[in-house]
């Protein structure tokens, strides 16, 4: 099972790739080249990022909750 840190880095990596792919699609559109397959790939990438975010959120919810005390605070 992937760790929370791995999921975070994978989400960031995928977001960079999505950004690059969006720029490529825009360039293709400006050049008048059909972009159907590129847009399909972009949507699959976005779906993958959404799935990774859901996994990350699920893992965060399973972490133990902090006690709410300030570090070095008084114990009443």
N, C-alpha and C. Protein backbone atom coordinates (compact mmCIF):
# COMPACT_ATOMS: atom_id res chain seq x y z
N UNK A 1 0.85 -1.18 0.00
CA UNK A 1 0.00 0.00 0.00
C UNK A 1 0.89 1.25 0.00
N UNK A 2 0.59 2.20 -0.86
CA UNK A 2 1.43 3.40 -0.92
C UNK A 2 1.29 4.25 0.35
N UNK A 3 2.35 4.97 0.64
CA UNK A 3 2.33 5.84 1.81
C UNK A 3 1.69 7.18 1.44
N UNK A 4 1.34 7.92 2.46
CA UNK A 4 0.73 9.23 2.25
C UNK A 4 1.69 10.16 1.51
N UNK A 5 2.96 10.11 1.87
CA UNK A 5 3.95 10.96 1.22
C UNK A 5 4.10 10.59 -0.26
N UNK A 6 4.07 9.29 -0.55
CA UNK A 6 4.16 8.85 -1.95
C UNK A 6 2.98 9.38 -2.75
N UNK A 7 1.78 9.28 -2.18
CA UNK A 7 0.59 9.77 -2.88
C UNK A 7 0.69 11.27 -3.14
N UNK A 8 1.16 12.01 -2.16
CA UNK A 8 1.30 13.45 -2.34
C UNK A 8 2.27 13.78 -3.47
N UNK A 9 3.40 13.09 -3.52
CA UNK A 9 4.38 13.37 -4.57
C UNK A 9 3.86 12.92 -5.93
N UNK A 10 3.12 11.83 -5.97
CA UNK A 10 2.56 11.34 -7.22
C UNK A 10 1.49 12.30 -7.75
N UNK A 11 0.68 12.85 -6.86
CA UNK A 11 -0.33 13.84 -7.26
C UNK A 11 0.35 15.06 -7.85
N UNK A 12 1.40 15.53 -7.21
CA UNK A 12 2.12 16.70 -7.70
C UNK A 12 2.74 16.42 -9.06
N UNK A 13 3.33 15.24 -9.22
CA UNK A 13 3.94 14.88 -10.50
C UNK A 13 2.90 14.82 -11.61
N UNK A 14 1.75 14.23 -11.30
CA UNK A 14 0.68 14.12 -12.30
C UNK A 14 0.11 15.50 -12.66
N UNK A 15 0.03 16.39 -11.68
CA UNK A 15 -0.47 17.74 -11.97
C UNK A 15 0.45 18.48 -12.93
N UNK A 16 1.75 18.28 -12.77
CA UNK A 16 2.71 18.89 -13.70
C UNK A 16 2.50 18.32 -15.10
N UNK A 17 2.31 17.02 -15.19
CA UNK A 17 2.08 16.39 -16.49
C UNK A 17 0.79 16.89 -17.13
N UNK A 18 -0.26 17.05 -16.33
CA UNK A 18 -1.54 17.55 -16.84
C UNK A 18 -1.37 18.96 -17.39
N UNK A 19 -0.62 19.78 -16.68
CA UNK A 19 -0.37 21.14 -17.14
C UNK A 19 0.34 21.15 -18.49
N UNK A 20 1.35 20.30 -18.63
CA UNK A 20 2.07 20.20 -19.91
C UNK A 20 1.15 19.73 -21.02
N UNK A 21 0.32 18.73 -20.71
CA UNK A 21 -0.58 18.18 -21.73
C UNK A 21 -1.60 19.24 -22.15
N UNK A 22 -2.09 20.05 -21.21
CA UNK A 22 -3.03 21.12 -21.57
C UNK A 22 -2.39 22.11 -22.54
N UNK A 23 -1.13 22.45 -22.28
CA UNK A 23 -0.42 23.36 -23.18
C UNK A 23 -0.27 22.75 -24.56
N UNK A 24 0.01 21.45 -24.62
CA UNK A 24 0.14 20.77 -25.91
C UNK A 24 -1.18 20.79 -26.66
N UNK A 25 -2.28 20.55 -25.97
CA UNK A 25 -3.60 20.56 -26.60
C UNK A 25 -3.89 21.95 -27.17
N UNK A 26 -3.57 22.97 -26.41
CA UNK A 26 -3.79 24.33 -26.90
C UNK A 26 -2.96 24.61 -28.15
N UNK A 27 -1.72 24.16 -28.17
CA UNK A 27 -0.88 24.34 -29.35
C UNK A 27 -1.46 23.62 -30.55
N UNK A 28 -1.95 22.41 -30.34
CA UNK A 28 -2.56 21.66 -31.43
C UNK A 28 -3.81 22.37 -31.96
N UNK A 29 -4.62 22.89 -31.04
CA UNK A 29 -5.83 23.59 -31.44
C UNK A 29 -5.50 24.84 -32.25
N UNK A 30 -4.48 25.57 -31.83
CA UNK A 30 -4.07 26.77 -32.56
C UNK A 30 -3.58 26.43 -33.96
N UNK A 31 -2.96 25.26 -34.09
CA UNK A 31 -2.44 24.83 -35.38
C UNK A 31 -3.52 24.21 -36.25
N UNK A 32 -4.72 24.05 -35.71
CA UNK A 32 -5.82 23.48 -36.47
C UNK A 32 -5.78 21.97 -36.58
N UNK A 33 -5.06 21.33 -35.69
CA UNK A 33 -4.93 19.87 -35.69
C UNK A 33 -5.99 19.29 -34.75
N UNK A 34 -6.67 18.23 -35.16
CA UNK A 34 -7.68 17.62 -34.28
C UNK A 34 -7.07 17.17 -32.95
N UNK A 35 -7.79 17.41 -31.87
CA UNK A 35 -7.25 17.14 -30.53
C UNK A 35 -8.06 16.12 -29.75
N UNK A 36 -8.90 15.38 -30.42
CA UNK A 36 -9.78 14.42 -29.73
C UNK A 36 -9.02 13.42 -28.88
N UNK A 37 -8.01 12.78 -29.46
CA UNK A 37 -7.28 11.75 -28.71
C UNK A 37 -6.47 12.38 -27.57
N UNK A 38 -5.92 13.57 -27.80
CA UNK A 38 -5.16 14.25 -26.75
C UNK A 38 -6.08 14.65 -25.60
N UNK A 39 -7.29 15.09 -25.92
CA UNK A 39 -8.24 15.47 -24.88
C UNK A 39 -8.71 14.24 -24.10
N UNK A 40 -8.83 13.11 -24.78
CA UNK A 40 -9.20 11.87 -24.10
C UNK A 40 -8.10 11.46 -23.12
N UNK A 41 -6.86 11.55 -23.56
CA UNK A 41 -5.73 11.24 -22.68
C UNK A 41 -5.71 12.19 -21.49
N UNK A 42 -5.94 13.47 -21.74
CA UNK A 42 -5.96 14.46 -20.66
C UNK A 42 -7.04 14.12 -19.64
N UNK A 43 -8.20 13.70 -20.12
CA UNK A 43 -9.29 13.35 -19.20
C UNK A 43 -8.92 12.13 -18.36
N UNK A 44 -8.26 11.14 -18.97
CA UNK A 44 -7.82 9.97 -18.20
C UNK A 44 -6.81 10.37 -17.14
N UNK A 45 -5.92 11.31 -17.48
CA UNK A 45 -4.95 11.79 -16.51
C UNK A 45 -5.64 12.49 -15.35
N UNK A 46 -6.64 13.32 -15.67
CA UNK A 46 -7.39 14.03 -14.62
C UNK A 46 -8.14 13.05 -13.73
N UNK A 47 -8.70 12.00 -14.33
CA UNK A 47 -9.39 10.97 -13.54
C UNK A 47 -8.42 10.27 -12.59
N UNK A 48 -7.20 10.02 -13.06
CA UNK A 48 -6.17 9.38 -12.24
C UNK A 48 -5.80 10.28 -11.05
N UNK A 49 -5.66 11.60 -11.32
CA UNK A 49 -5.35 12.54 -10.24
C UNK A 49 -6.48 12.55 -9.22
N UNK A 50 -7.73 12.54 -9.69
CA UNK A 50 -8.87 12.51 -8.78
C UNK A 50 -8.85 11.26 -7.91
N UNK A 51 -8.51 10.11 -8.51
CA UNK A 51 -8.45 8.86 -7.75
C UNK A 51 -7.33 8.92 -6.71
N UNK A 52 -6.18 9.48 -7.08
CA UNK A 52 -5.08 9.62 -6.13
C UNK A 52 -5.46 10.55 -4.98
N UNK A 53 -6.17 11.63 -5.29
CA UNK A 53 -6.61 12.56 -4.24
C UNK A 53 -7.59 11.87 -3.29
N UNK A 54 -8.47 11.04 -3.83
CA UNK A 54 -9.41 10.31 -2.98
C UNK A 54 -8.66 9.35 -2.06
N UNK A 55 -7.65 8.66 -2.61
CA UNK A 55 -6.83 7.76 -1.78
C UNK A 55 -6.11 8.54 -0.69
N UNK A 56 -5.56 9.70 -1.06
CA UNK A 56 -4.85 10.53 -0.08
C UNK A 56 -5.80 10.97 1.03
N UNK A 57 -6.98 11.42 0.65
CA UNK A 57 -7.95 11.88 1.65
C UNK A 57 -8.38 10.74 2.57
N UNK A 58 -8.54 9.55 2.01
CA UNK A 58 -8.91 8.39 2.82
C UNK A 58 -7.81 8.06 3.82
N UNK A 59 -6.55 8.13 3.36
CA UNK A 59 -5.43 7.84 4.26
C UNK A 59 -5.31 8.91 5.34
N UNK A 60 -5.54 10.17 4.98
CA UNK A 60 -5.47 11.25 5.98
C UNK A 60 -6.54 11.06 7.05
N UNK A 61 -7.72 10.59 6.64
CA UNK A 61 -8.81 10.39 7.60
C UNK A 61 -8.49 9.26 8.58
N UNK A 62 -7.65 8.32 8.17
CA UNK A 62 -7.31 7.20 9.04
C UNK A 62 -6.19 7.53 10.03
N UNK A 63 -5.52 8.65 9.83
CA UNK A 63 -4.44 9.04 10.75
C UNK A 63 -5.02 9.39 12.11
N UNK A 64 -4.26 9.15 13.17
CA UNK A 64 -4.75 9.54 14.50
C UNK A 64 -4.88 11.06 14.59
N UNK A 65 -5.91 11.49 15.28
CA UNK A 65 -6.16 12.92 15.43
C UNK A 65 -5.20 13.53 16.46
N UNK A 66 -4.70 14.74 16.20
CA UNK A 66 -3.84 15.39 17.20
C UNK A 66 -4.66 15.75 18.44
N UNK A 67 -3.98 15.85 19.57
CA UNK A 67 -4.67 16.09 20.84
C UNK A 67 -5.15 17.52 21.00
N UNK A 68 -4.65 18.44 20.22
CA UNK A 68 -5.13 19.81 20.31
C UNK A 68 -4.37 20.66 21.30
N UNK A 69 -3.29 20.15 21.85
CA UNK A 69 -2.50 20.94 22.79
C UNK A 69 -1.37 21.63 22.03
N UNK A 70 -1.04 22.79 22.49
CA UNK A 70 0.11 23.52 21.95
C UNK A 70 1.38 22.87 22.48
N UNK A 71 2.39 22.77 21.66
CA UNK A 71 3.63 22.18 22.11
C UNK A 71 4.17 22.95 23.32
N UNK A 72 4.45 22.25 24.36
CA UNK A 72 4.97 22.89 25.57
C UNK A 72 3.91 23.58 26.38
N UNK A 73 2.65 23.38 26.03
CA UNK A 73 1.58 24.05 26.76
C UNK A 73 1.36 23.47 28.14
N UNK A 74 0.54 24.14 28.92
CA UNK A 74 0.28 23.68 30.28
C UNK A 74 -0.67 22.50 30.26
N UNK A 75 -0.49 21.62 31.21
CA UNK A 75 -1.38 20.49 31.39
C UNK A 75 -2.26 20.80 32.59
N UNK A 76 -3.48 21.08 32.39
CA UNK A 76 -4.39 21.47 33.47
C UNK A 76 -4.84 20.25 34.12
